[in-house]
């Protein structure tokens, strides 16, 4: 969960805050490269375990999958560069706990991001 809170979430926050409060029209190259870097870190984590912290589902997976959903709104994951991340996220989206806890918040995040992105680009 340290990676989620201190690496990936911060990258999302940087884009989200600038979009909502500063009128950012699109993520900068720096924002995008920071997310690429985080995707690479996650790919390496997933080379060790089936899930992010162990070989079984943990709360860290649910939390990180929710954060990653928002990241994908900003910068899609290239499955050829990050096959483990892509497969893990698809697996997470099938988990009942993800559907129960993460999907509702993810949907709100998408609506918010879409609204401010459209507003800033008028």
PDB file of N, CA and C in Angstrom:
ATOM      1  N   UNK A   1       0.827  -1.192   0.000  1.00  0.00           N
ATOM      2  CA  UNK A   1       0.000   0.000   0.000  1.00  0.00           C
ATOM      3  C   UNK A   1       0.867   1.250   0.000  1.00  0.00           C
ATOM      4  N   UNK A   2       2.128   1.091   0.389  1.00  0.00           N
ATOM      5  CA  UNK A   2       3.046   2.229   0.358  1.00  0.00           C
ATOM      6  C   UNK A   2       3.211   2.742  -1.073  1.00  0.00           C
ATOM      7  N   UNK A   3       3.386   1.824  -2.025  1.00  0.00           N
ATOM      8  CA  UNK A   3       3.512   2.214  -3.431  1.00  0.00           C
ATOM      9  C   UNK A   3       2.267   2.971  -3.884  1.00  0.00           C
ATOM     10  N   UNK A   4       1.110   2.456  -3.534  1.00  0.00           N
ATOM     11  CA  UNK A   4      -0.151   3.082  -3.914  1.00  0.00           C
ATOM     12  C   UNK A   4      -0.234   4.507  -3.379  1.00  0.00           C
ATOM     13  N   UNK A   5      -0.017   4.668  -2.084  1.00  0.00           N
ATOM     14  CA  UNK A   5      -0.191   5.974  -1.439  1.00  0.00           C
ATOM     15  C   UNK A   5       0.914   6.969  -1.768  1.00  0.00           C
ATOM     16  N   UNK A   6       2.130   6.488  -1.907  1.00  0.00           N
ATOM     17  CA  UNK A   6       3.247   7.430  -2.045  1.00  0.00           C
ATOM     18  C   UNK A   6       3.768   7.597  -3.467  1.00  0.00           C
ATOM     19  N   UNK A   7       3.400   6.721  -4.362  1.00  0.00           N
ATOM     20  CA  UNK A   7       3.881   6.816  -5.743  1.00  0.00           C
ATOM     21  C   UNK A   7       2.707   7.055  -6.699  1.00  0.00           C
ATOM     22  N   UNK A   8       1.855   6.045  -6.851  1.00  0.00           N
ATOM     23  CA  UNK A   8       0.819   6.125  -7.881  1.00  0.00           C
ATOM     24  C   UNK A   8      -0.243   7.174  -7.561  1.00  0.00           C
ATOM     25  N   UNK A   9      -0.754   7.169  -6.335  1.00  0.00           N
ATOM     26  CA  UNK A   9      -1.790   8.143  -5.978  1.00  0.00           C
ATOM     27  C   UNK A   9      -1.288   9.573  -6.149  1.00  0.00           C
ATOM     28  N   UNK A  10      -0.053   9.834  -5.774  1.00  0.00           N
ATOM     29  CA  UNK A  10       0.514  11.186  -5.889  1.00  0.00           C
ATOM     30  C   UNK A  10       0.536  11.626  -7.345  1.00  0.00           C
ATOM     31  N   UNK A  11       0.873  10.721  -8.239  1.00  0.00           N
ATOM     32  CA  UNK A  11       0.894  11.065  -9.667  1.00  0.00           C
ATOM     33  C   UNK A  11      -0.511  11.409 -10.161  1.00  0.00           C
ATOM     34  N   UNK A  12      -1.499  10.636  -9.727  1.00  0.00           N
ATOM     35  CA  UNK A  12      -2.887  10.949 -10.087  1.00  0.00           C
ATOM     36  C   UNK A  12      -3.314  12.289  -9.491  1.00  0.00           C
ATOM     37  N   UNK A  13      -2.950  12.496  -8.234  1.00  0.00           N
ATOM     38  CA  UNK A  13      -3.317  13.742  -7.558  1.00  0.00           C
ATOM     39  C   UNK A  13      -2.738  14.949  -8.282  1.00  0.00           C
ATOM     40  N   UNK A  14      -1.509  14.851  -8.736  1.00  0.00           N
ATOM     41  CA  UNK A  14      -0.884  15.978  -9.429  1.00  0.00           C
ATOM     42  C   UNK A  14      -1.679  16.390 -10.661  1.00  0.00           C
ATOM     43  N   UNK A  15      -2.159  15.422 -11.404  1.00  0.00           N
ATOM     44  CA  UNK A  15      -2.970  15.725 -12.587  1.00  0.00           C
ATOM     45  C   UNK A  15      -4.360  16.196 -12.169  1.00  0.00           C
ATOM     46  N   UNK A  16      -4.968  15.495 -11.228  1.00  0.00           N
ATOM     47  CA  UNK A  16      -6.324  15.836 -10.803  1.00  0.00           C
ATOM     48  C   UNK A  16      -6.438  17.225 -10.212  1.00  0.00           C
ATOM     49  N   UNK A  17      -5.533  17.582  -9.333  1.00  0.00           N
ATOM     50  CA  UNK A  17      -5.582  18.909  -8.712  1.00  0.00           C
ATOM     51  C   UNK A  17      -5.379  20.007  -9.753  1.00  0.00           C
ATOM     52  N   UNK A  18      -4.436  19.798 -10.656  1.00  0.00           N
ATOM     53  CA  UNK A  18      -4.192  20.805 -11.694  1.00  0.00           C
ATOM     54  C   UNK A  18      -5.384  20.908 -12.642  1.00  0.00           C
ATOM     55  N   UNK A  19      -6.053  19.796 -12.896  1.00  0.00           N
ATOM     56  CA  UNK A  19      -7.222  19.809 -13.774  1.00  0.00           C
ATOM     57  C   UNK A  19      -8.392  20.524 -13.101  1.00  0.00           C
ATOM     58  N   UNK A  20      -8.650  20.213 -11.857  1.00  0.00           N
ATOM     59  CA  UNK A  20      -9.799  20.779 -11.148  1.00  0.00           C
ATOM     60  C   UNK A  20      -9.572  22.227 -10.733  1.00  0.00           C
ATOM     61  N   UNK A  21      -8.407  22.539 -10.190  1.00  0.00           N
ATOM     62  CA  UNK A  21      -8.191  23.857  -9.590  1.00  0.00           C
ATOM     63  C   UNK A  21      -7.380  24.836 -10.435  1.00  0.00           C
ATOM     64  N   UNK A  22      -6.661  24.328 -11.422  1.00  0.00           N
ATOM     65  CA  UNK A  22      -5.813  25.216 -12.219  1.00  0.00           C
ATOM     66  C   UNK A  22      -6.198  25.250 -13.691  1.00  0.00           C
ATOM     67  N   UNK A  23      -7.231  24.521 -14.063  1.00  0.00           N
ATOM     68  CA  UNK A  23      -7.693  24.552 -15.443  1.00  0.00           C
ATOM     69  C   UNK A  23      -6.811  23.808 -16.432  1.00  0.00           C
ATOM     70  N   UNK A  24      -6.045  22.835 -15.962  1.00  0.00           N
ATOM     71  CA  UNK A  24      -5.191  22.050 -16.857  1.00  0.00           C
ATOM     72  C   UNK A  24      -6.041  21.416 -17.948  1.00  0.00           C
ATOM     73  N   UNK A  25      -5.641  21.618 -19.207  1.00  0.00           N
ATOM     74  CA  UNK A  25      -6.406  21.091 -20.337  1.00  0.00           C
ATOM     75  C   UNK A  25      -6.044  19.653 -20.666  1.00  0.00           C
ATOM     76  N   UNK A  26      -4.809  19.281 -20.423  1.00  0.00           N
ATOM     77  CA  UNK A  26      -4.339  17.917 -20.699  1.00  0.00           C
ATOM     78  C   UNK A  26      -3.115  17.649 -19.832  1.00  0.00           C
ATOM     79  N   UNK A  27      -2.880  16.403 -19.497  1.00  0.00           N
ATOM     80  CA  UNK A  27      -1.677  16.085 -18.725  1.00  0.00           C
ATOM     81  C   UNK A  27      -0.420  16.508 -19.484  1.00  0.00           C
ATOM     82  N   UNK A  28       0.571  16.942 -18.750  1.00  0.00           N
ATOM     83  CA  UNK A  28       1.839  17.340 -19.363  1.00  0.00           C
ATOM     84  C   UNK A  28       2.672  16.092 -19.673  1.00  0.00           C
ATOM     85  N   UNK A  29       3.727  16.283 -20.450  1.00  0.00           N
ATOM     86  CA  UNK A  29       4.640  15.172 -20.730  1.00  0.00           C
ATOM     87  C   UNK A  29       5.227  14.626 -19.432  1.00  0.00           C
ATOM     88  N   UNK A  30       5.493  15.490 -18.489  1.00  0.00           N
ATOM     89  CA  UNK A  30       6.026  15.055 -17.186  1.00  0.00           C
ATOM     90  C   UNK A  30       5.024  14.168 -16.460  1.00  0.00           C
ATOM     91  N   UNK A  31       3.755  14.575 -16.470  1.00  0.00           N
ATOM     92  CA  UNK A  31       2.723  13.747 -15.844  1.00  0.00           C
ATOM     93  C   UNK A  31       2.705  12.351 -16.471  1.00  0.00           C
ATOM     94  N   UNK A  32       2.747  12.316 -17.793  1.00  0.00           N
ATOM     95  CA  UNK A  32       2.667  11.044 -18.505  1.00  0.00           C
ATOM     96  C   UNK A  32       3.896  10.176 -18.252  1.00  0.00           C
ATOM     97  N   UNK A  33       5.070  10.790 -18.244  1.00  0.00           N
ATOM     98  CA  UNK A  33       6.287  10.007 -17.991  1.00  0.00           C
ATOM     99  C   UNK A  33       6.330   9.514 -16.544  1.00  0.00           C
ATOM    100  N   UNK A  34       5.801  10.296 -15.619  1.00  0.00           N
ATOM    101  CA  UNK A  34       5.729   9.847 -14.223  1.00  0.00           C
ATOM    102  C   UNK A  34       4.825   8.617 -14.089  1.00  0.00           C
ATOM    103  N   UNK A  35       3.713   8.612 -14.822  1.00  0.00           N
ATOM    104  CA  UNK A  35       2.837   7.441 -14.788  1.00  0.00           C
ATOM    105  C   UNK A  35       3.511   6.237 -15.440  1.00  0.00           C
ATOM    106  N   UNK A  36       4.205   6.460 -16.549  1.00  0.00           N
ATOM    107  CA  UNK A  36       4.954   5.363 -17.187  1.00  0.00           C
ATOM    108  C   UNK A  36       5.941   4.748 -16.201  1.00  0.00           C
ATOM    109  N   UNK A  37       6.630   5.598 -15.467  1.00  0.00           N
ATOM    110  CA  UNK A  37       7.587   5.117 -14.472  1.00  0.00           C
ATOM    111  C   UNK A  37       6.878   4.253 -13.421  1.00  0.00           C
ATOM    112  N   UNK A  38       5.730   4.703 -12.960  1.00  0.00           N
ATOM    113  CA  UNK A  38       4.969   3.947 -11.961  1.00  0.00           C
ATOM    114  C   UNK A  38       4.483   2.617 -12.535  1.00  0.00           C
ATOM    115  N   UNK A  39       4.043   2.610 -13.786  1.00  0.00           N
ATOM    116  CA  UNK A  39       3.614   1.360 -14.416  1.00  0.00           C
ATOM    117  C   UNK A  39       4.780   0.372 -14.473  1.00  0.00           C
ATOM    118  N   UNK A  40       5.968   0.878 -14.762  1.00  0.00           N
ATOM    119  CA  UNK A  40       7.153   0.022 -14.789  1.00  0.00           C
ATOM    120  C   UNK A  40       7.459  -0.573 -13.424  1.00  0.00           C
ATOM    121  N   UNK A  41       7.314   0.228 -12.382  1.00  0.00           N
ATOM    122  CA  UNK A  41       7.528  -0.277 -11.020  1.00  0.00           C
ATOM    123  C   UNK A  41       6.530  -1.385 -10.699  1.00  0.00           C
ATOM    124  N   UNK A  42       5.277  -1.146 -11.046  1.00  0.00           N
ATOM    125  CA  UNK A  42       4.240  -2.137 -10.772  1.00  0.00           C
ATOM    126  C   UNK A  42       4.496  -3.419 -11.564  1.00  0.00           C
ATOM    127  N   UNK A  43       4.942  -3.287 -12.794  1.00  0.00           N
ATOM    128  CA  UNK A  43       5.275  -4.465 -13.611  1.00  0.00           C
ATOM    129  C   UNK A  43       6.344  -5.310 -12.906  1.00  0.00           C
ATOM    130  N   UNK A  44       7.329  -4.646 -12.328  1.00  0.00           N
ATOM    131  CA  UNK A  44       8.383  -5.367 -11.598  1.00  0.00           C
ATOM    132  C   UNK A  44       7.835  -6.039 -10.332  1.00  0.00           C
ATOM    133  N   UNK A  45       6.950  -5.353  -9.600  1.00  0.00           N
ATOM    134  CA  UNK A  45       6.328  -5.974  -8.419  1.00  0.00           C
ATOM    135  C   UNK A  45       5.615  -7.266  -8.817  1.00  0.00           C
ATOM    136  N   UNK A  46       4.888  -7.191  -9.915  1.00  0.00           N
ATOM    137  CA  UNK A  46       4.074  -8.328 -10.340  1.00  0.00           C
ATOM    138  C   UNK A  46       4.900  -9.462 -10.937  1.00  0.00           C
ATOM    139  N   UNK A  47       6.174  -9.242 -11.148  1.00  0.00           N
ATOM    140  CA  UNK A  47       7.038 -10.338 -11.615  1.00  0.00           C
ATOM    141  C   UNK A  47       7.398 -11.267 -10.453  1.00  0.00           C
ATOM    142  N   UNK A  48       7.186 -10.807  -9.229  1.00  0.00           N
ATOM    143  CA  UNK A  48       7.527 -11.596  -8.039  1.00  0.00           C
ATOM    144  C   UNK A  48       6.340 -12.385  -7.492  1.00  0.00           C
ATOM    145  N   UNK A  49       5.149 -11.817  -7.595  1.00  0.00           N
ATOM    146  CA  UNK A  49       3.954 -12.417  -7.014  1.00  0.00           C
ATOM    147  C   UNK A  49       2.801 -12.365  -8.008  1.00  0.00           C
ATOM    148  N   UNK A  50       1.784 -13.188  -7.772  1.00  0.00           N
ATOM    149  CA  UNK A  50       0.574 -13.148  -8.600  1.00  0.00           C
ATOM    150  C   UNK A  50      -0.235 -11.881  -8.335  1.00  0.00           C
ATOM    151  N   UNK A  51      -0.152 -11.390  -7.116  1.00  0.00           N
ATOM    152  CA  UNK A  51      -0.817 -10.148  -6.739  1.00  0.00           C
ATOM    153  C   UNK A  51       0.260  -9.177  -6.277  1.00  0.00           C
ATOM    154  N   UNK A  52      -0.103  -7.957  -5.911  1.00  0.00           N
ATOM    155  CA  UNK A  52       0.926  -6.940  -5.669  1.00  0.00           C
ATOM    156  C   UNK A  52       1.757  -7.164  -4.414  1.00  0.00           C
ATOM    157  N   UNK A  53       1.211  -7.821  -3.415  1.00  0.00           N
ATOM    158  CA  UNK A  53       1.961  -7.982  -2.167  1.00  0.00           C
ATOM    159  C   UNK A  53       2.187  -9.438  -1.772  1.00  0.00           C
ATOM    160  N   UNK A  54       1.521 -10.346  -2.449  1.00  0.00           N
ATOM    161  CA  UNK A  54       1.609 -11.766  -2.088  1.00  0.00           C
ATOM    162  C   UNK A  54       1.075 -12.600  -3.251  1.00  0.00           C
ATOM    163  N   UNK A  55       1.020 -13.896  -3.047  1.00  0.00           N
ATOM    164  CA  UNK A  55       0.447 -14.770  -4.070  1.00  0.00           C
ATOM    165  C   UNK A  55      -1.049 -14.990  -3.867  1.00  0.00           C
ATOM    166  N   UNK A  56      -1.656 -14.143  -3.056  1.00  0.00           N
ATOM    167  CA  UNK A  56      -3.099 -14.165  -2.856  1.00  0.00           C
ATOM    168  C   UNK A  56      -3.605 -12.715  -2.764  1.00  0.00           C
ATOM    169  N   UNK A  57      -4.878 -12.561  -2.975  1.00  0.00           N
ATOM    170  CA  UNK A  57      -5.514 -11.245  -2.941  1.00  0.00           C
ATOM    171  C   UNK A  57      -5.411 -10.624  -1.551  1.00  0.00           C
ATOM    172  N   UNK A  58      -5.051  -9.340  -1.499  1.00  0.00           N
ATOM    173  CA  UNK A  58      -5.016  -8.591  -0.241  1.00  0.00           C
ATOM    174  C   UNK A  58      -5.711  -7.246  -0.450  1.00  0.00           C
ATOM    175  N   UNK A  59      -5.907  -6.532   0.636  1.00  0.00           N
ATOM    176  CA  UNK A  59      -6.492  -5.193   0.555  1.00  0.00           C
ATOM    177  C   UNK A  59      -5.621  -4.271  -0.292  1.00  0.00           C
ATOM    178  N   UNK A  60      -4.329  -4.543  -0.334  1.00  0.00           N
ATOM    179  CA  UNK A  60      -3.428  -3.733  -1.162  1.00  0.00           C
ATOM    180  C   UNK A  60      -3.827  -3.813  -2.633  1.00  0.00           C
ATOM    181  N   UNK A  61      -4.278  -4.975  -3.080  1.00  0.00           N
ATOM    182  CA  UNK A  61      -4.705  -5.130  -4.471  1.00  0.00           C
ATOM    183  C   UNK A  61      -5.952  -4.302  -4.768  1.00  0.00           C
ATOM    184  N   UNK A  62      -6.917  -4.354  -3.869  1.00  0.00           N
ATOM    185  CA  UNK A  62      -8.156  -3.593  -4.070  1.00  0.00           C
ATOM    186  C   UNK A  62      -7.851  -2.102  -4.100  1.00  0.00           C
ATOM    187  N   UNK A  63      -7.064  -1.647  -3.164  1.00  0.00           N
ATOM    188  CA  UNK A  63      -6.707  -0.232  -3.098  1.00  0.00           C
ATOM    189  C   UNK A  63      -5.950   0.205  -4.347  1.00  0.00           C
ATOM    190  N   UNK A  64      -4.940  -0.560  -4.716  1.00  0.00           N
ATOM    191  CA  UNK A  64      -4.121  -0.192  -5.867  1.00  0.00           C
ATOM    192  C   UNK A  64      -4.908  -0.260  -7.170  1.00  0.00           C
ATOM    193  N   UNK A  65      -5.786  -1.244  -7.308  1.00  0.00           N
ATOM    194  CA  UNK A  65      -6.592  -1.347  -8.527  1.00  0.00           C
ATOM    195  C   UNK A  65      -7.483  -0.121  -8.697  1.00  0.00           C
ATOM    196  N   UNK A  66      -8.011   0.382  -7.601  1.00  0.00           N
ATOM    197  CA  UNK A  66      -8.840   1.591  -7.659  1.00  0.00           C
ATOM    198  C   UNK A  66      -8.012   2.787  -8.105  1.00  0.00           C
ATOM    199  N   UNK A  67      -6.837   2.931  -7.543  1.00  0.00           N
ATOM    200  CA  UNK A  67      -5.951   4.032  -7.926  1.00  0.00           C
ATOM    201  C   UNK A  67      -5.521   3.885  -9.378  1.00  0.00           C
ATOM    202  N   UNK A  68      -5.205   2.667  -9.784  1.00  0.00           N
ATOM    203  CA  UNK A  68      -4.754   2.433 -11.156  1.00  0.00           C
ATOM    204  C   UNK A  68      -5.860   2.728 -12.161  1.00  0.00           C
ATOM    205  N   UNK A  69      -7.106   2.473 -11.782  1.00  0.00           N
ATOM    206  CA  UNK A  69      -8.220   2.796 -12.672  1.00  0.00           C
ATOM    207  C   UNK A  69      -8.185   4.276 -13.041  1.00  0.00           C
ATOM    208  N   UNK A  70      -7.930   5.123 -12.070  1.00  0.00           N
ATOM    209  CA  UNK A  70      -7.845   6.568 -12.324  1.00  0.00           C
ATOM    210  C   UNK A  70      -6.614   6.876 -13.173  1.00  0.00           C
ATOM    211  N   UNK A  71      -5.514   6.202 -12.902  1.00  0.00           N
ATOM    212  CA  UNK A  71      -4.298   6.412 -13.697  1.00  0.00           C
ATOM    213  C   UNK A  71      -4.560   6.142 -15.173  1.00  0.00           C
ATOM    214  N   UNK A  72      -5.316   5.093 -15.447  1.00  0.00           N
ATOM    215  CA  UNK A  72      -5.608   4.706 -16.828  1.00  0.00           C
ATOM    216  C   UNK A  72      -6.456   5.770 -17.531  1.00  0.00           C
ATOM    217  N   UNK A  73      -7.251   6.519 -16.775  1.00  0.00           N
ATOM    218  CA  UNK A  73      -7.991   7.632 -17.376  1.00  0.00           C
ATOM    219  C   UNK A  73      -7.031   8.699 -17.894  1.00  0.00           C
ATOM    220  N   UNK A  74      -5.893   8.817 -17.258  1.00  0.00           N
ATOM    221  CA  UNK A  74      -4.889   9.824 -17.613  1.00  0.00           C
ATOM    222  C   UNK A  74      -3.946   9.294 -18.685  1.00  0.00           C
ATOM    223  N   UNK A  75      -3.468   8.064 -18.502  1.00  0.00           N
ATOM    224  CA  UNK A  75      -2.491   7.456 -19.420  1.00  0.00           C
ATOM    225  C   UNK A  75      -2.781   5.969 -19.504  1.00  0.00           C
ATOM    226  N   UNK A  76      -3.219   5.534 -20.678  1.00  0.00           N
ATOM    227  CA  UNK A  76      -3.514   4.119 -20.852  1.00  0.00           C
ATOM    228  C   UNK A  76      -2.266   3.271 -20.645  1.00  0.00           C
ATOM    229  N   UNK A  77      -2.492   2.050 -20.238  1.00  0.00           N
ATOM    230  CA  UNK A  77      -1.401   1.098 -20.041  1.00  0.00           C
ATOM    231  C   UNK A  77      -1.172   0.364 -21.355  1.00  0.00           C
ATOM    232  N   UNK A  78       0.054   0.375 -21.828  1.00  0.00           N
ATOM    233  CA  UNK A  78       0.423  -0.345 -23.051  1.00  0.00           C
ATOM    234  C   UNK A  78       0.618  -1.819 -22.686  1.00  0.00           C
ATOM    235  N   UNK A  79      -0.279  -2.702 -23.153  1.00  0.00           N
ATOM    236  CA  UNK A  79      -0.166  -4.109 -22.773  1.00  0.00           C
ATOM    237  C   UNK A  79       1.111  -4.782 -23.277  1.00  0.00           C
ATOM    238  N   UNK A  80       1.700  -4.264 -24.335  1.00  0.00           N
ATOM    239  CA  UNK A  80       2.945  -4.869 -24.822  1.00  0.00           C
ATOM    240  C   UNK A  80       4.128  -4.509 -23.924  1.00  0.00           C
ATOM    241  N   UNK A  81       4.065  -3.361 -23.268  1.00  0.00           N
ATOM    242  CA  UNK A  81       5.125  -2.954 -22.340  1.00  0.00           C
ATOM    243  C   UNK A  81       4.881  -3.455 -20.924  1.00  0.00           C
ATOM    244  N   UNK A  82       3.613  -3.571 -20.566  1.00  0.00           N
ATOM    245  CA  UNK A  82       3.242  -3.922 -19.194  1.00  0.00           C
ATOM    246  C   UNK A  82       2.227  -5.072 -19.180  1.00  0.00           C
ATOM    247  N   UNK A  83       2.619  -6.247 -19.679  1.00  0.00           N
ATOM    248  CA  UNK A  83       1.653  -7.350 -19.754  1.00  0.00           C
ATOM    249  C   UNK A  83       1.170  -7.833 -18.385  1.00  0.00           C
ATOM    250  N   UNK A  84       2.034  -7.810 -17.392  1.00  0.00           N
ATOM    251  CA  UNK A  84       1.625  -8.258 -16.052  1.00  0.00           C
ATOM    252  C   UNK A  84       0.625  -7.287 -15.434  1.00  0.00           C
ATOM    253  N   UNK A  85       0.871  -6.003 -15.603  1.00  0.00           N
ATOM    254  CA  UNK A  85      -0.045  -4.991 -15.068  1.00  0.00           C
ATOM    255  C   UNK A  85      -1.402  -5.125 -15.747  1.00  0.00           C
ATOM    256  N   UNK A  86      -1.396  -5.282 -17.058  1.00  0.00           N
ATOM    257  CA  UNK A  86      -2.640  -5.419 -17.816  1.00  0.00           C
ATOM    258  C   UNK A  86      -3.427  -6.640 -17.349  1.00  0.00           C
ATOM    259  N   UNK A  87      -2.751  -7.776 -17.235  1.00  0.00           N
ATOM    260  CA  UNK A  87      -3.423  -9.011 -16.804  1.00  0.00           C
ATOM    261  C   UNK A  87      -3.930  -8.892 -15.369  1.00  0.00           C
ATOM    262  N   UNK A  88      -3.120  -8.303 -14.492  1.00  0.00           N
ATOM    263  CA  UNK A  88      -3.520  -8.144 -13.093  1.00  0.00           C
ATOM    264  C   UNK A  88      -4.753  -7.249 -12.986  1.00  0.00           C
ATOM    265  N   UNK A  89      -4.767  -6.141 -13.719  1.00  0.00           N
ATOM    266  CA  UNK A  89      -5.910  -5.228 -13.642  1.00  0.00           C
ATOM    267  C   UNK A  89      -7.178  -5.905 -14.154  1.00  0.00           C
ATOM    268  N   UNK A  90      -7.076  -6.663 -15.229  1.00  0.00           N
ATOM    269  CA  UNK A  90      -8.249  -7.405 -15.728  1.00  0.00           C
ATOM    270  C   UNK A  90      -8.734  -8.408 -14.682  1.00  0.00           C
ATOM    271  N   UNK A  91      -7.782  -9.087 -14.048  1.00  0.00           N
ATOM    272  CA  UNK A  91      -8.132 -10.050 -12.997  1.00  0.00           C
ATOM    273  C   UNK A  91      -8.812  -9.327 -11.830  1.00  0.00           C
ATOM    274  N   UNK A  92      -8.292  -8.182 -11.456  1.00  0.00           N
ATOM    275  CA  UNK A  92      -8.866  -7.425 -10.341  1.00  0.00           C
ATOM    276  C   UNK A  92     -10.288  -6.972 -10.655  1.00  0.00           C
ATOM    277  N   UNK A  93     -10.535  -6.575 -11.889  1.00  0.00           N
ATOM    278  CA  UNK A  93     -11.861  -6.085 -12.261  1.00  0.00           C
ATOM    279  C   UNK A  93     -12.917  -7.187 -12.210  1.00  0.00           C
ATOM    280  N   UNK A  94     -12.487  -8.438 -12.139  1.00  0.00           N
ATOM    281  CA  UNK A  94     -13.416  -9.567 -12.013  1.00  0.00           C
ATOM    282  C   UNK A  94     -13.664  -9.966 -10.556  1.00  0.00           C
ATOM    283  N   UNK A  95     -12.865  -9.443  -9.655  1.00  0.00           N
ATOM    284  CA  UNK A  95     -12.996  -9.784  -8.235  1.00  0.00           C
ATOM    285  C   UNK A  95     -14.277  -9.176  -7.640  1.00  0.00           C
ATOM    286  N   UNK A  96     -15.076  -9.966  -6.922  1.00  0.00           N
ATOM    287  CA  UNK A  96     -16.281  -9.419  -6.290  1.00  0.00           C
ATOM    288  C   UNK A  96     -15.989  -8.230  -5.373  1.00  0.00           C
ATOM    289  N   UNK A  97     -14.897  -8.287  -4.636  1.00  0.00           N
ATOM    290  CA  UNK A  97     -14.579  -7.179  -3.727  1.00  0.00           C
ATOM    291  C   UNK A  97     -14.240  -5.905  -4.499  1.00  0.00           C
ATOM    292  N   UNK A  98     -13.610  -6.038  -5.663  1.00  0.00           N
ATOM    293  CA  UNK A  98     -13.341  -4.864  -6.498  1.00  0.00           C
ATOM    294  C   UNK A  98     -14.667  -4.276  -6.976  1.00  0.00           C
ATOM    295  N   UNK A  99     -15.538  -5.153  -7.461  1.00  0.00           N
ATOM    296  CA  UNK A  99     -16.830  -4.681  -7.968  1.00  0.00           C
ATOM    297  C   UNK A  99     -17.635  -3.985  -6.873  1.00  0.00           C
ATOM    298  N   UNK A 100     -17.563  -4.510  -5.666  1.00  0.00           N
ATOM    299  CA  UNK A 100     -18.346  -3.948  -4.564  1.00  0.00           C
ATOM    300  C   UNK A 100     -17.776  -2.627  -4.054  1.00  0.00           C
ATOM    301  N   UNK A 101     -16.460  -2.566  -3.878  1.00  0.00           N
ATOM    302  CA  UNK A 101     -15.862  -1.405  -3.222  1.00  0.00           C
ATOM    303  C   UNK A 101     -15.212  -0.411  -4.181  1.00  0.00           C
ATOM    304  N   UNK A 102     -14.597  -0.891  -5.224  1.00  0.00           N
ATOM    305  CA  UNK A 102     -13.809  -0.006  -6.079  1.00  0.00           C
ATOM    306  C   UNK A 102     -14.594   0.575  -7.248  1.00  0.00           C
ATOM    307  N   UNK A 103     -15.467  -0.208  -7.850  1.00  0.00           N
ATOM    308  CA  UNK A 103     -16.170   0.286  -9.031  1.00  0.00           C
ATOM    309  C   UNK A 103     -16.976   1.559  -8.780  1.00  0.00           C
ATOM    310  N   UNK A 104     -17.732   1.661  -7.685  1.00  0.00           N
ATOM    311  CA  UNK A 104     -18.499   2.897  -7.478  1.00  0.00           C
ATOM    312  C   UNK A 104     -17.613   4.140  -7.389  1.00  0.00           C
ATOM    313  N   UNK A 105     -16.532   4.062  -6.652  1.00  0.00           N
ATOM    314  CA  UNK A 105     -15.620   5.203  -6.540  1.00  0.00           C
ATOM    315  C   UNK A 105     -14.913   5.505  -7.842  1.00  0.00           C
ATOM    316  N   UNK A 106     -14.571   4.455  -8.569  1.00  0.00           N
ATOM    317  CA  UNK A 106     -13.913   4.641  -9.858  1.00  0.00           C
ATOM    318  C   UNK A 106     -14.837   5.353 -10.840  1.00  0.00           C
ATOM    319  N   UNK A 107     -16.108   5.002 -10.805  1.00  0.00           N
ATOM    320  CA  UNK A 107     -17.075   5.651 -11.693  1.00  0.00           C
ATOM    321  C   UNK A 107     -17.206   7.139 -11.366  1.00  0.00           C
ATOM    322  N   UNK A 108     -17.216   7.475 -10.098  1.00  0.00           N
ATOM    323  CA  UNK A 108     -17.283   8.887  -9.691  1.00  0.00           C
ATOM    324  C   UNK A 108     -16.027   9.624 -10.129  1.00  0.00           C
ATOM    325  N   UNK A 109     -14.882   8.994  -9.972  1.00  0.00           N
ATOM    326  CA  UNK A 109     -13.619   9.617 -10.402  1.00  0.00           C
ATOM    327  C   UNK A 109     -13.649   9.894 -11.898  1.00  0.00           C
ATOM    328  N   UNK A 110     -14.151   8.945 -12.681  1.00  0.00           N
ATOM    329  CA  UNK A 110     -14.224   9.142 -14.135  1.00  0.00           C
ATOM    330  C   UNK A 110     -15.161  10.293 -14.478  1.00  0.00           C
ATOM    331  N   UNK A 111     -16.322  10.339 -13.862  1.00  0.00           N
ATOM    332  CA  UNK A 111     -17.268  11.433 -14.119  1.00  0.00           C
ATOM    333  C   UNK A 111     -16.642  12.783 -13.786  1.00  0.00           C
ATOM    334  N   UNK A 112     -15.969  12.865 -12.662  1.00  0.00           N
ATOM    335  CA  UNK A 112     -15.333  14.114 -12.238  1.00  0.00           C
ATOM    336  C   UNK A 112     -14.240  14.523 -13.212  1.00  0.00           C
ATOM    337  N   UNK A 113     -13.376  13.589 -13.562  1.00  0.00           N
ATOM    338  CA  UNK A 113     -12.278  13.878 -14.483  1.00  0.00           C
ATOM    339  C   UNK A 113     -12.817  14.299 -15.848  1.00  0.00           C
ATOM    340  N   UNK A 114     -13.820  13.574 -16.352  1.00  0.00           N
ATOM    341  CA  UNK A 114     -14.414  13.913 -17.651  1.00  0.00           C
ATOM    342  C   UNK A 114     -15.042  15.305 -17.622  1.00  0.00           C
ATOM    343  N   UNK A 115     -15.748  15.629 -16.548  1.00  0.00           N
ATOM    344  CA  UNK A 115     -16.401  16.931 -16.430  1.00  0.00           C
ATOM    345  C   UNK A 115     -15.383  18.067 -16.489  1.00  0.00           C
ATOM    346  N   UNK A 116     -14.351  17.990 -15.658  1.00  0.00           N
ATOM    347  CA  UNK A 116     -13.374  19.083 -15.614  1.00  0.00           C
ATOM    348  C   UNK A 116     -12.507  19.136 -16.865  1.00  0.00           C
ATOM    349  N   UNK A 117     -12.206  17.998 -17.446  1.00  0.00           N
ATOM    350  CA  UNK A 117     -11.440  17.999 -18.697  1.00  0.00           C
ATOM    351  C   UNK A 117     -12.236  18.695 -19.794  1.00  0.00           C
ATOM    352  N   UNK A 118     -13.520  18.374 -19.898  1.00  0.00           N
ATOM    353  CA  UNK A 118     -14.370  19.015 -20.911  1.00  0.00           C
ATOM    354  C   UNK A 118     -14.504  20.511 -20.637  1.00  0.00           C
ATOM    355  N   UNK A 119     -14.726  20.864 -19.391  1.00  0.00           N
ATOM    356  CA  UNK A 119     -14.865  22.277 -19.014  1.00  0.00           C
ATOM    357  C   UNK A 119     -13.603  23.064 -19.350  1.00  0.00           C
ATOM    358  N   UNK A 120     -12.448  22.496 -19.062  1.00  0.00           N
ATOM    359  CA  UNK A 120     -11.183  23.194 -19.296  1.00  0.00           C
ATOM    360  C   UNK A 120     -10.838  23.310 -20.776  1.00  0.00           C
ATOM    361  N   UNK A 121     -11.462  22.502 -21.601  1.00  0.00           N
ATOM    362  CA  UNK A 121     -11.154  22.515 -23.032  1.00  0.00           C
ATOM    363  C   UNK A 121     -12.223  23.210 -23.869  1.00  0.00           C
ATOM    364  N   UNK A 122     -13.100  23.964 -23.232  1.00  0.00           N
ATOM    365  CA  UNK A 122     -14.124  24.716 -23.979  1.00  0.00           C
ATOM    366  C   UNK A 122     -13.537  25.976 -24.559  1.00  0.00           C
TER     367      UNK A 122
END
